[in-house]
Amino acid sequence: MSLELIKEIRQITGAGMSDVNKALKEADGDRAKAIEILRKRGQKIAAKKSDREVKEGVIAFEQKDNKVAIVALACETDFVAKNEDFQTAVQGLATKLMELGKEEFATWASKHVQDELIVKIGENLQLANFDIFEGEVVGTYLHSNNKAASVIVLKGGNEELAKDIAMHATAMAPKYLVPEDVPTEVIDKEKEIYTEQLKKEGKPAEVIVKILEGKVNKFYTEVCLIKQTYVKDDKKSIEKLLEENNATIENFGYYSL
């Protein structure tokens, strides 16, 4: 097989040298058939890579009016994450999600990533997350590294406010919207940890009970978006910011790779 033909097929498919050689031999040197064989083997190629760690990736948005689709695709290396073709592929996934809706996209994307993208890019890829948001006012923010992003859906307010809160969420990584969203077992575990710390400090039981309330409230300011201190004004909370703008958060999403 000519080296030029092998290089050409590698550029088209992203498959490794040995995989291209095997495909060409099986195809009796036929370029088109070899490419077809490689694509059909995408599932097998993906299986070999599936145990390799994915610690990089890219997040992309697709927005139409008050509807936003977000996709996070993880890869193995920063080199691939910064590659223009990879970023274009992730943007294409977000566009497809908007077009198909979540349920149909889930089926389509699983096959597309396995059979097409892994073969072409040559790394283990995993669809880390995807979702669709829709509402009266929608704001998004994507960090410059393309690895952290947020979506905010407001009732009331305006897009600028939604974008500001999305920027805040991307910086502060909230896990929940309001204290009521925090699971009981999470609060119980925090109380258990605080109690042990206070006992070691020699605090009496009645004092511990009083201190626990303050500790839990402090915990809420760390993990609940509504209770966090606004990054652009440390004298107000997100809750206060919303009150000033006659707005409420209907839904939100924070994503990171």
C-alpha atoms as a PDB file:
ATOM      1  CA  MET A   1       0.000   0.000   0.000  1.00  0.00           C
ATOM      2  CA  SER A   2       1.311   3.461  -0.830  1.00  0.00           C
ATOM      3  CA  LEU A   3       2.244   5.737   2.047  1.00  0.00           C
ATOM      4  CA  GLU A   4       0.316   8.573   0.387  1.00  0.00           C
ATOM      5  CA  LEU A   5      -2.894   6.535   0.379  1.00  0.00           C
ATOM      6  CA  ILE A   6      -2.444   5.561   4.029  1.00  0.00           C
ATOM      7  CA  LYS A   7      -1.851   9.208   5.000  1.00  0.00           C
ATOM      8  CA  GLU A   8      -4.905  10.316   3.037  1.00  0.00           C
ATOM      9  CA  ILE A   9      -7.192   7.775   4.742  1.00  0.00           C
ATOM     10  CA  ARG A  10      -5.764   8.640   8.146  1.00  0.00           C
ATOM     11  CA  GLN A  11      -6.553  12.325   7.530  1.00  0.00           C
ATOM     12  CA  ILE A  12     -10.107  11.487   6.490  1.00  0.00           C
ATOM     13  CA  THR A  13     -10.891   9.030   9.290  1.00  0.00           C
ATOM     14  CA  GLY A  14      -8.408   9.883  12.030  1.00  0.00           C
ATOM     15  CA  ALA A  15      -7.766   6.137  12.446  1.00  0.00           C
ATOM     16  CA  GLY A  16      -4.359   4.809  13.469  1.00  0.00           C
ATOM     17  CA  MET A  17      -1.731   3.555  11.034  1.00  0.00           C
ATOM     18  CA  SER A  18      -2.245  -0.134  11.841  1.00  0.00           C
ATOM     19  CA  ASP A  19      -6.045   0.179  11.562  1.00  0.00           C
ATOM     20  CA  VAL A  20      -5.707   1.831   8.145  1.00  0.00           C
ATOM     21  CA  ASN A  21      -3.304  -0.870   6.947  1.00  0.00           C
ATOM     22  CA  LYS A  22      -5.664  -3.649   8.051  1.00  0.00           C
ATOM     23  CA  ALA A  23      -8.637  -1.959   6.389  1.00  0.00           C
ATOM     24  CA  LEU A  24      -6.753  -1.471   3.111  1.00  0.00           C
ATOM     25  CA  LYS A  25      -5.671  -5.106   3.051  1.00  0.00           C
ATOM     26  CA  GLU A  26      -9.231  -6.223   3.688  1.00  0.00           C
ATOM     27  CA  ALA A  27     -10.454  -3.871   0.951  1.00  0.00           C
ATOM     28  CA  ASP A  28      -7.758  -5.041  -1.507  1.00  0.00           C
ATOM     29  CA  GLY A  29      -6.388  -1.521  -1.666  1.00  0.00           C
ATOM     30  CA  ASP A  30      -9.730   0.115  -2.481  1.00  0.00           C
ATOM     31  CA  ARG A  31      -9.746   3.578  -0.875  1.00  0.00           C
ATOM     32  CA  ALA A  32     -13.520   4.023  -0.552  1.00  0.00           C
ATOM     33  CA  LYS A  33     -14.059   0.489   0.740  1.00  0.00           C
ATOM     34  CA  ALA A  34     -11.265   0.871   3.301  1.00  0.00           C
ATOM     35  CA  ILE A  35     -12.851   4.062   4.632  1.00  0.00           C
ATOM     36  CA  GLU A  36     -16.194   2.289   4.845  1.00  0.00           C
ATOM     37  CA  ILE A  37     -14.605  -0.599   6.762  1.00  0.00           C
ATOM     38  CA  LEU A  38     -13.014   1.814   9.231  1.00  0.00           C
ATOM     39  CA  ARG A  39     -16.288   3.588   9.829  1.00  0.00           C
ATOM     40  CA  LYS A  40     -18.090   0.304  10.353  1.00  0.00           C
ATOM     41  CA  ARG A  41     -15.401  -0.668  12.822  1.00  0.00           C
ATOM     42  CA  GLY A  42     -15.958   2.499  14.797  1.00  0.00           C
ATOM     43  CA  GLN A  43     -17.681   0.469  17.501  1.00  0.00           C
ATOM     44  CA  LYS A  44     -14.671  -1.839  17.856  1.00  0.00           C
ATOM     45  CA  ILE A  45     -12.164   0.986  17.768  1.00  0.00           C
ATOM     46  CA  ALA A  46     -14.192   2.832  20.400  1.00  0.00           C
ATOM     47  CA  ALA A  47     -14.295  -0.256  22.603  1.00  0.00           C
ATOM     48  CA  LYS A  48     -10.489  -0.409  22.685  1.00  0.00           C
ATOM     49  CA  LYS A  49     -10.326   3.207  23.787  1.00  0.00           C
ATOM     50  CA  SER A  50     -13.247   3.162  26.222  1.00  0.00           C
ATOM     51  CA  ASP A  51     -11.136   2.457  29.306  1.00  0.00           C
ATOM     52  CA  ARG A  52      -8.882   5.463  28.701  1.00  0.00           C
ATOM     53  CA  GLU A  53      -9.510   8.429  30.973  1.00  0.00           C
ATOM     54  CA  VAL A  54     -11.316  11.462  29.592  1.00  0.00           C
ATOM     55  CA  LYS A  55     -10.271  14.549  31.519  1.00  0.00           C
ATOM     56  CA  GLU A  56     -10.503  17.263  28.872  1.00  0.00           C
ATOM     57  CA  GLY A  57     -13.294  18.387  26.574  1.00  0.00           C
ATOM     58  CA  VAL A  58     -15.463  21.134  25.175  1.00  0.00           C
ATOM     59  CA  ILE A  59     -18.899  22.573  25.967  1.00  0.00           C
ATOM     60  CA  ALA A  60     -21.031  24.192  23.269  1.00  0.00           C
ATOM     61  CA  PHE A  61     -24.365  26.045  23.114  1.00  0.00           C
ATOM     62  CA  GLU A  62     -26.977  26.367  20.402  1.00  0.00           C
ATOM     63  CA  GLN A  63     -29.542  29.103  21.062  1.00  0.00           C
ATOM     64  CA  LYS A  64     -32.708  30.047  19.217  1.00  0.00           C
ATOM     65  CA  ASP A  65     -34.801  32.789  20.766  1.00  0.00           C
ATOM     66  CA  ASN A  66     -35.587  31.669  24.346  1.00  0.00           C
ATOM     67  CA  LYS A  67     -34.421  28.094  23.886  1.00  0.00           C
ATOM     68  CA  VAL A  68     -30.890  26.819  24.506  1.00  0.00           C
ATOM     69  CA  ALA A  69     -29.295  23.428  23.839  1.00  0.00           C
ATOM     70  CA  ILE A  70     -26.042  22.601  25.632  1.00  0.00           C
ATOM     71  CA  VAL A  71     -23.670  19.706  24.993  1.00  0.00           C
ATOM     72  CA  ALA A  72     -20.479  18.708  26.844  1.00  0.00           C
ATOM     73  CA  LEU A  73     -18.197  16.232  25.060  1.00  0.00           C
ATOM     74  CA  ALA A  74     -15.199  14.883  26.969  1.00  0.00           C
ATOM     75  CA  CYS A  75     -11.931  13.770  25.375  1.00  0.00           C
ATOM     76  CA  GLU A  76      -8.559  12.533  26.586  1.00  0.00           C
ATOM     77  CA  THR A  77      -6.176  15.365  25.784  1.00  0.00           C
ATOM     78  CA  ASP A  78      -5.986  19.138  25.784  1.00  0.00           C
ATOM     79  CA  PHE A  79      -4.528  18.897  22.277  1.00  0.00           C
ATOM     80  CA  VAL A  80      -7.791  17.467  20.934  1.00  0.00           C
ATOM     81  CA  ALA A  81      -9.951  19.829  23.034  1.00  0.00           C
ATOM     82  CA  LYS A  82      -8.218  22.806  21.408  1.00  0.00           C
ATOM     83  CA  ASN A  83      -8.504  21.348  17.915  1.00  0.00           C
ATOM     84  CA  GLU A  84     -10.821  23.342  15.654  1.00  0.00           C
ATOM     85  CA  ASP A  85     -12.332  20.209  14.094  1.00  0.00           C
ATOM     86  CA  PHE A  86     -13.214  18.824  17.527  1.00  0.00           C
ATOM     87  CA  GLN A  87     -14.789  22.104  18.628  1.00  0.00           C
ATOM     88  CA  THR A  88     -16.776  22.225  15.393  1.00  0.00           C
ATOM     89  CA  ALA A  89     -17.963  18.672  16.033  1.00  0.00           C
ATOM     90  CA  VAL A  90     -19.211  19.583  19.519  1.00  0.00           C
ATOM     91  CA  GLN A  91     -21.016  22.625  18.131  1.00  0.00           C
ATOM     92  CA  GLY A  92     -22.606  20.305  15.598  1.00  0.00           C
ATOM     93  CA  LEU A  93     -23.847  18.111  18.439  1.00  0.00           C
ATOM     94  CA  ALA A  94     -25.477  21.111  20.122  1.00  0.00           C
ATOM     95  CA  THR A  95     -27.151  22.055  16.831  1.00  0.00           C
ATOM     96  CA  LYS A  96     -28.405  18.487  16.419  1.00  0.00           C
ATOM     97  CA  LEU A  97     -29.753  18.444  19.983  1.00  0.00           C
ATOM     98  CA  MET A  98     -31.771  21.571  19.259  1.00  0.00           C
ATOM     99  CA  GLU A  99     -33.101  19.949  16.093  1.00  0.00           C
ATOM    100  CA  LEU A 100     -33.945  16.487  17.471  1.00  0.00           C
ATOM    101  CA  GLY A 101     -34.896  17.093  21.110  1.00  0.00           C
ATOM    102  CA  LYS A 102     -33.381  15.247  24.078  1.00  0.00           C
ATOM    103  CA  GLU A 103     -34.892  11.794  23.643  1.00  0.00           C
ATOM    104  CA  GLU A 104     -34.111  11.322  19.950  1.00  0.00           C
ATOM    105  CA  PHE A 105     -30.719  13.018  20.338  1.00  0.00           C
ATOM    106  CA  ALA A 106     -29.662  10.576  23.064  1.00  0.00           C
ATOM    107  CA  THR A 107     -30.025   7.637  20.689  1.00  0.00           C
ATOM    108  CA  TRP A 108     -28.532   9.419  17.686  1.00  0.00           C
ATOM    109  CA  ALA A 109     -25.564  10.910  19.578  1.00  0.00           C
ATOM    110  CA  SER A 110     -24.527   7.633  21.192  1.00  0.00           C
ATOM    111  CA  LYS A 111     -24.115   6.021  17.771  1.00  0.00           C
ATOM    112  CA  HIS A 112     -22.620   9.136  16.155  1.00  0.00           C
ATOM    113  CA  VAL A 113     -19.914   9.528  18.807  1.00  0.00           C
ATOM    114  CA  GLN A 114     -19.016   5.830  18.695  1.00  0.00           C
ATOM    115  CA  ASP A 115     -19.180   5.233  14.943  1.00  0.00           C
ATOM    116  CA  GLU A 116     -18.053   8.586  13.575  1.00  0.00           C
ATOM    117  CA  LEU A 117     -16.239  10.896  15.977  1.00  0.00           C
ATOM    118  CA  ILE A 118     -14.057   8.356  17.794  1.00  0.00           C
ATOM    119  CA  VAL A 119     -12.936   6.872  14.478  1.00  0.00           C
ATOM    120  CA  LYS A 120     -12.133  10.308  13.093  1.00  0.00           C
ATOM    121  CA  ILE A 121     -10.516  11.856  16.177  1.00  0.00           C
ATOM    122  CA  GLY A 122      -8.750   8.770  17.496  1.00  0.00           C
ATOM    123  CA  GLU A 123      -9.394   9.298  21.219  1.00  0.00           C
ATOM    124  CA  ASN A 124     -11.860   7.983  23.746  1.00  0.00           C
ATOM    125  CA  LEU A 125     -14.778  10.422  23.703  1.00  0.00           C
ATOM    126  CA  GLN A 126     -17.721  10.506  26.080  1.00  0.00           C
ATOM    127  CA  LEU A 127     -20.896  12.558  25.916  1.00  0.00           C
ATOM    128  CA  ALA A 128     -20.537  14.023  29.395  1.00  0.00           C
ATOM    129  CA  ASN A 129     -23.786  15.973  29.456  1.00  0.00           C
ATOM    130  CA  PHE A 130     -26.544  17.490  27.367  1.00  0.00           C
ATOM    131  CA  ASP A 131     -29.761  19.365  28.057  1.00  0.00           C
ATOM    132  CA  ILE A 132     -32.287  21.835  26.683  1.00  0.00           C
ATOM    133  CA  PHE A 133     -33.498  24.924  28.523  1.00  0.00           C
ATOM    134  CA  GLU A 134     -36.433  27.127  27.599  1.00  0.00           C
ATOM    135  CA  GLY A 135     -38.195  29.987  29.314  1.00  0.00           C
ATOM    136  CA  GLU A 136     -39.221  33.625  29.403  1.00  0.00           C
ATOM    137  CA  VAL A 137     -35.635  34.931  29.645  1.00  0.00           C
ATOM    138  CA  VAL A 138     -32.572  32.760  29.021  1.00  0.00           C
ATOM    139  CA  GLY A 139     -28.938  33.680  29.587  1.00  0.00           C
ATOM    140  CA  THR A 140     -25.773  31.666  29.006  1.00  0.00           C
ATOM    141  CA  TYR A 141     -22.100  31.971  29.818  1.00  0.00           C
ATOM    142  CA  LEU A 142     -19.211  29.867  28.525  1.00  0.00           C
ATOM    143  CA  HIS A 143     -15.781  30.211  30.121  1.00  0.00           C
ATOM    144  CA  SER A 144     -12.933  31.062  27.746  1.00  0.00           C
ATOM    145  CA  ASN A 145     -11.485  27.552  28.173  1.00  0.00           C
ATOM    146  CA  ASN A 146     -14.763  26.041  26.875  1.00  0.00           C
ATOM    147  CA  LYS A 147     -14.767  23.674  29.873  1.00  0.00           C
ATOM    148  CA  ALA A 148     -17.211  25.411  32.225  1.00  0.00           C
ATOM    149  CA  ALA A 149     -20.594  26.916  31.428  1.00  0.00           C
ATOM    150  CA  SER A 150     -23.959  27.841  32.892  1.00  0.00           C
ATOM    151  CA  VAL A 151     -27.513  28.457  31.725  1.00  0.00           C
ATOM    152  CA  ILE A 152     -29.987  30.615  33.655  1.00  0.00           C
ATOM    153  CA  VAL A 153     -33.727  30.749  32.984  1.00  0.00           C
ATOM    154  CA  LEU A 154     -35.494  33.738  34.518  1.00  0.00           C
ATOM    155  CA  LYS A 155     -39.051  34.839  35.006  1.00  0.00           C
ATOM    156  CA  GLY A 156     -38.892  38.605  34.844  1.00  0.00           C
ATOM    157  CA  GLY A 157     -35.654  40.535  34.514  1.00  0.00           C
ATOM    158  CA  ASN A 158     -33.837  40.634  31.182  1.00  0.00           C
ATOM    159  CA  GLU A 159     -31.227  38.795  29.164  1.00  0.00           C
ATOM    160  CA  GLU A 160     -28.382  40.909  30.512  1.00  0.00           C
ATOM    161  CA  LEU A 161     -29.306  39.942  34.084  1.00  0.00           C
ATOM    162  CA  ALA A 162     -29.588  36.280  33.091  1.00  0.00           C
ATOM    163  CA  LYS A 163     -26.140  36.412  31.473  1.00  0.00           C
ATOM    164  CA  ASP A 164     -24.631  38.081  34.541  1.00  0.00           C
ATOM    165  CA  ILE A 165     -26.016  35.359  36.799  1.00  0.00           C
ATOM    166  CA  ALA A 166     -24.827  32.698  34.353  1.00  0.00           C
ATOM    167  CA  MET A 167     -21.332  34.191  34.546  1.00  0.00           C
ATOM    168  CA  HIS A 168     -21.568  34.129  38.342  1.00  0.00           C
ATOM    169  CA  ALA A 169     -22.690  30.484  38.335  1.00  0.00           C
ATOM    170  CA  THR A 170     -19.832  29.502  36.034  1.00  0.00           C
ATOM    171  CA  ALA A 171     -17.369  31.068  38.463  1.00  0.00           C
ATOM    172  CA  MET A 172     -18.970  29.765  41.680  1.00  0.00           C
ATOM    173  CA  ALA A 173     -20.163  26.284  40.595  1.00  0.00           C
ATOM    174  CA  PRO A 174     -23.403  26.029  42.631  1.00  0.00           C
ATOM    175  CA  LYS A 175     -24.768  22.529  43.167  1.00  0.00           C
ATOM    176  CA  TYR A 176     -28.336  23.545  44.003  1.00  0.00           C
ATOM    177  CA  LEU A 177     -30.688  26.445  43.355  1.00  0.00           C
ATOM    178  CA  VAL A 178     -32.246  26.907  46.827  1.00  0.00           C
ATOM    179  CA  PRO A 179     -31.678  25.338  50.284  1.00  0.00           C
ATOM    180  CA  GLU A 180     -34.831  23.243  49.852  1.00  0.00           C
ATOM    181  CA  ASP A 181     -33.114  21.455  46.961  1.00  0.00           C
ATOM    182  CA  VAL A 182     -30.277  20.146  49.131  1.00  0.00           C
ATOM    183  CA  PRO A 183     -30.923  16.468  49.983  1.00  0.00           C
ATOM    184  CA  THR A 184     -31.545  15.699  53.663  1.00  0.00           C
ATOM    185  CA  GLU A 185     -28.683  13.190  53.721  1.00  0.00           C
ATOM    186  CA  VAL A 186     -26.255  15.889  52.545  1.00  0.00           C
ATOM    187  CA  ILE A 187     -27.296  18.232  55.366  1.00  0.00           C
ATOM    188  CA  ASP A 188     -27.175  15.401  57.907  1.00  0.00           C
ATOM    189  CA  LYS A 189     -23.622  14.556  56.848  1.00  0.00           C
ATOM    190  CA  GLU A 190     -22.551  18.203  57.148  1.00  0.00           C
ATOM    191  CA  LYS A 191     -24.097  18.392  60.635  1.00  0.00           C
ATOM    192  CA  GLU A 192     -22.304  15.198  61.617  1.00  0.00           C
ATOM    193  CA  ILE A 193     -18.960  16.650  60.509  1.00  0.00           C
ATOM    194  CA  TYR A 194     -19.576  19.983  62.231  1.00  0.00           C
ATOM    195  CA  THR A 195     -20.694  18.252  65.421  1.00  0.00           C
ATOM    196  CA  GLU A 196     -17.513  16.178  65.611  1.00  0.00           C
ATOM    197  CA  GLN A 197     -15.394  19.285  65.028  1.00  0.00           C
ATOM    198  CA  LEU A 198     -17.201  21.197  67.776  1.00  0.00           C
ATOM    199  CA  LYS A 199     -16.973  18.300  70.231  1.00  0.00           C
ATOM    200  CA  LYS A 200     -13.207  18.206  69.728  1.00  0.00           C
ATOM    201  CA  GLU A 201     -13.168  21.909  70.545  1.00  0.00           C
ATOM    202  CA  GLY A 202     -14.896  21.081  73.828  1.00  0.00           C
ATOM    203  CA  LYS A 203     -18.200  22.803  73.075  1.00  0.00           C
ATOM    204  CA  PRO A 204     -21.147  21.685  75.259  1.00  0.00           C
ATOM    205  CA  ALA A 205     -24.162  20.033  73.569  1.00  0.00           C
ATOM    206  CA  GLU A 206     -26.504  23.016  73.991  1.00  0.00           C
ATOM    207  CA  VAL A 207     -23.962  25.335  72.396  1.00  0.00           C
ATOM    208  CA  ILE A 208     -23.351  22.908  69.531  1.00  0.00           C
ATOM    209  CA  VAL A 209     -27.066  22.968  68.628  1.00  0.00           C
ATOM    210  CA  LYS A 210     -26.993  26.749  68.285  1.00  0.00           C
ATOM    211  CA  ILE A 211     -23.754  26.802  66.322  1.00  0.00           C
ATOM    212  CA  LEU A 212     -24.986  24.121  63.912  1.00  0.00           C
ATOM    213  CA  GLU A 213     -27.706  26.395  62.568  1.00  0.00           C
ATOM    214  CA  GLY A 214     -25.150  29.019  61.610  1.00  0.00           C
ATOM    215  CA  LYS A 215     -22.841  26.395  60.088  1.00  0.00           C
ATOM    216  CA  VAL A 216     -25.636  25.007  57.926  1.00  0.00           C
ATOM    217  CA  ASN A 217     -26.641  28.495  56.767  1.00  0.00           C
ATOM    218  CA  LYS A 218     -23.000  29.139  55.835  1.00  0.00           C
ATOM    219  CA  PHE A 219     -23.011  25.871  53.883  1.00  0.00           C
ATOM    220  CA  TYR A 220     -26.059  27.077  51.928  1.00  0.00           C
ATOM    221  CA  THR A 221     -24.162  30.216  50.871  1.00  0.00           C
ATOM    222  CA  GLU A 222     -21.510  27.961  49.340  1.00  0.00           C
ATOM    223  CA  VAL A 223     -23.637  25.429  47.469  1.00  0.00           C
ATOM    224  CA  CYS A 224     -26.981  27.153  46.720  1.00  0.00           C
ATOM    225  CA  LEU A 225     -27.013  29.648  43.847  1.00  0.00           C
ATOM    226  CA  ILE A 226     -29.714  31.828  45.384  1.00  0.00           C
ATOM    227  CA  LYS A 227     -27.698  32.255  48.612  1.00  0.00           C
ATOM    228  CA  GLN A 228     -24.278  32.869  47.087  1.00  0.00           C
ATOM    229  CA  THR A 229     -22.603  36.264  47.245  1.00  0.00           C
ATOM    230  CA  TYR A 230     -22.770  37.893  43.825  1.00  0.00           C
ATOM    231  CA  VAL A 231     -19.305  37.875  42.201  1.00  0.00           C
ATOM    232  CA  LYS A 232     -19.757  41.372  40.749  1.00  0.00           C
ATOM    233  CA  ASP A 233     -20.893  42.905  44.044  1.00  0.00           C
ATOM    234  CA  ASP A 234     -19.823  41.278  47.307  1.00  0.00           C
ATOM    235  CA  LYS A 235     -22.322  43.388  49.238  1.00  0.00           C
ATOM    236  CA  LYS A 236     -25.340  41.502  47.880  1.00  0.00           C
ATOM    237  CA  SER A 237     -26.483  37.945  47.326  1.00  0.00           C
ATOM    238  CA  ILE A 238     -27.974  36.538  44.129  1.00  0.00           C
ATOM    239  CA  GLU A 239     -31.280  36.503  46.015  1.00  0.00           C
ATOM    240  CA  LYS A 240     -30.991  40.253  46.629  1.00  0.00           C
ATOM    241  CA  LEU A 241     -29.967  40.894  43.026  1.00  0.00           C
ATOM    242  CA  LEU A 242     -33.092  39.112  41.822  1.00  0.00           C
ATOM    243  CA  GLU A 243     -35.316  41.076  44.214  1.00  0.00           C
ATOM    244  CA  GLU A 244     -33.905  44.355  42.913  1.00  0.00           C
ATOM    245  CA  ASN A 245     -34.776  43.319  39.358  1.00  0.00           C
ATOM    246  CA  ASN A 246     -38.200  41.783  40.101  1.00  0.00           C
ATOM    247  CA  ALA A 247     -36.992  38.451  38.778  1.00  0.00           C
ATOM    248  CA  THR A 248     -36.878  34.811  39.867  1.00  0.00           C
ATOM    249  CA  ILE A 249     -34.781  31.885  38.656  1.00  0.00           C
ATOM    250  CA  GLU A 250     -37.026  29.275  37.073  1.00  0.00           C
ATOM    251  CA  ASN A 251     -34.246  26.854  36.161  1.00  0.00           C
ATOM    252  CA  PHE A 252     -30.471  26.690  35.914  1.00  0.00           C
ATOM    253  CA  GLY A 253     -27.660  24.396  34.895  1.00  0.00           C
ATOM    254  CA  TYR A 254     -23.959  24.412  35.710  1.00  0.00           C
ATOM    255  CA  TYR A 255     -21.586  22.221  33.690  1.00  0.00           C
ATOM    256  CA  SER A 256     -17.859  21.568  33.855  1.00  0.00           C
ATOM    257  CA  LEU A 257     -15.321  19.202  32.357  1.00  0.00           C
END
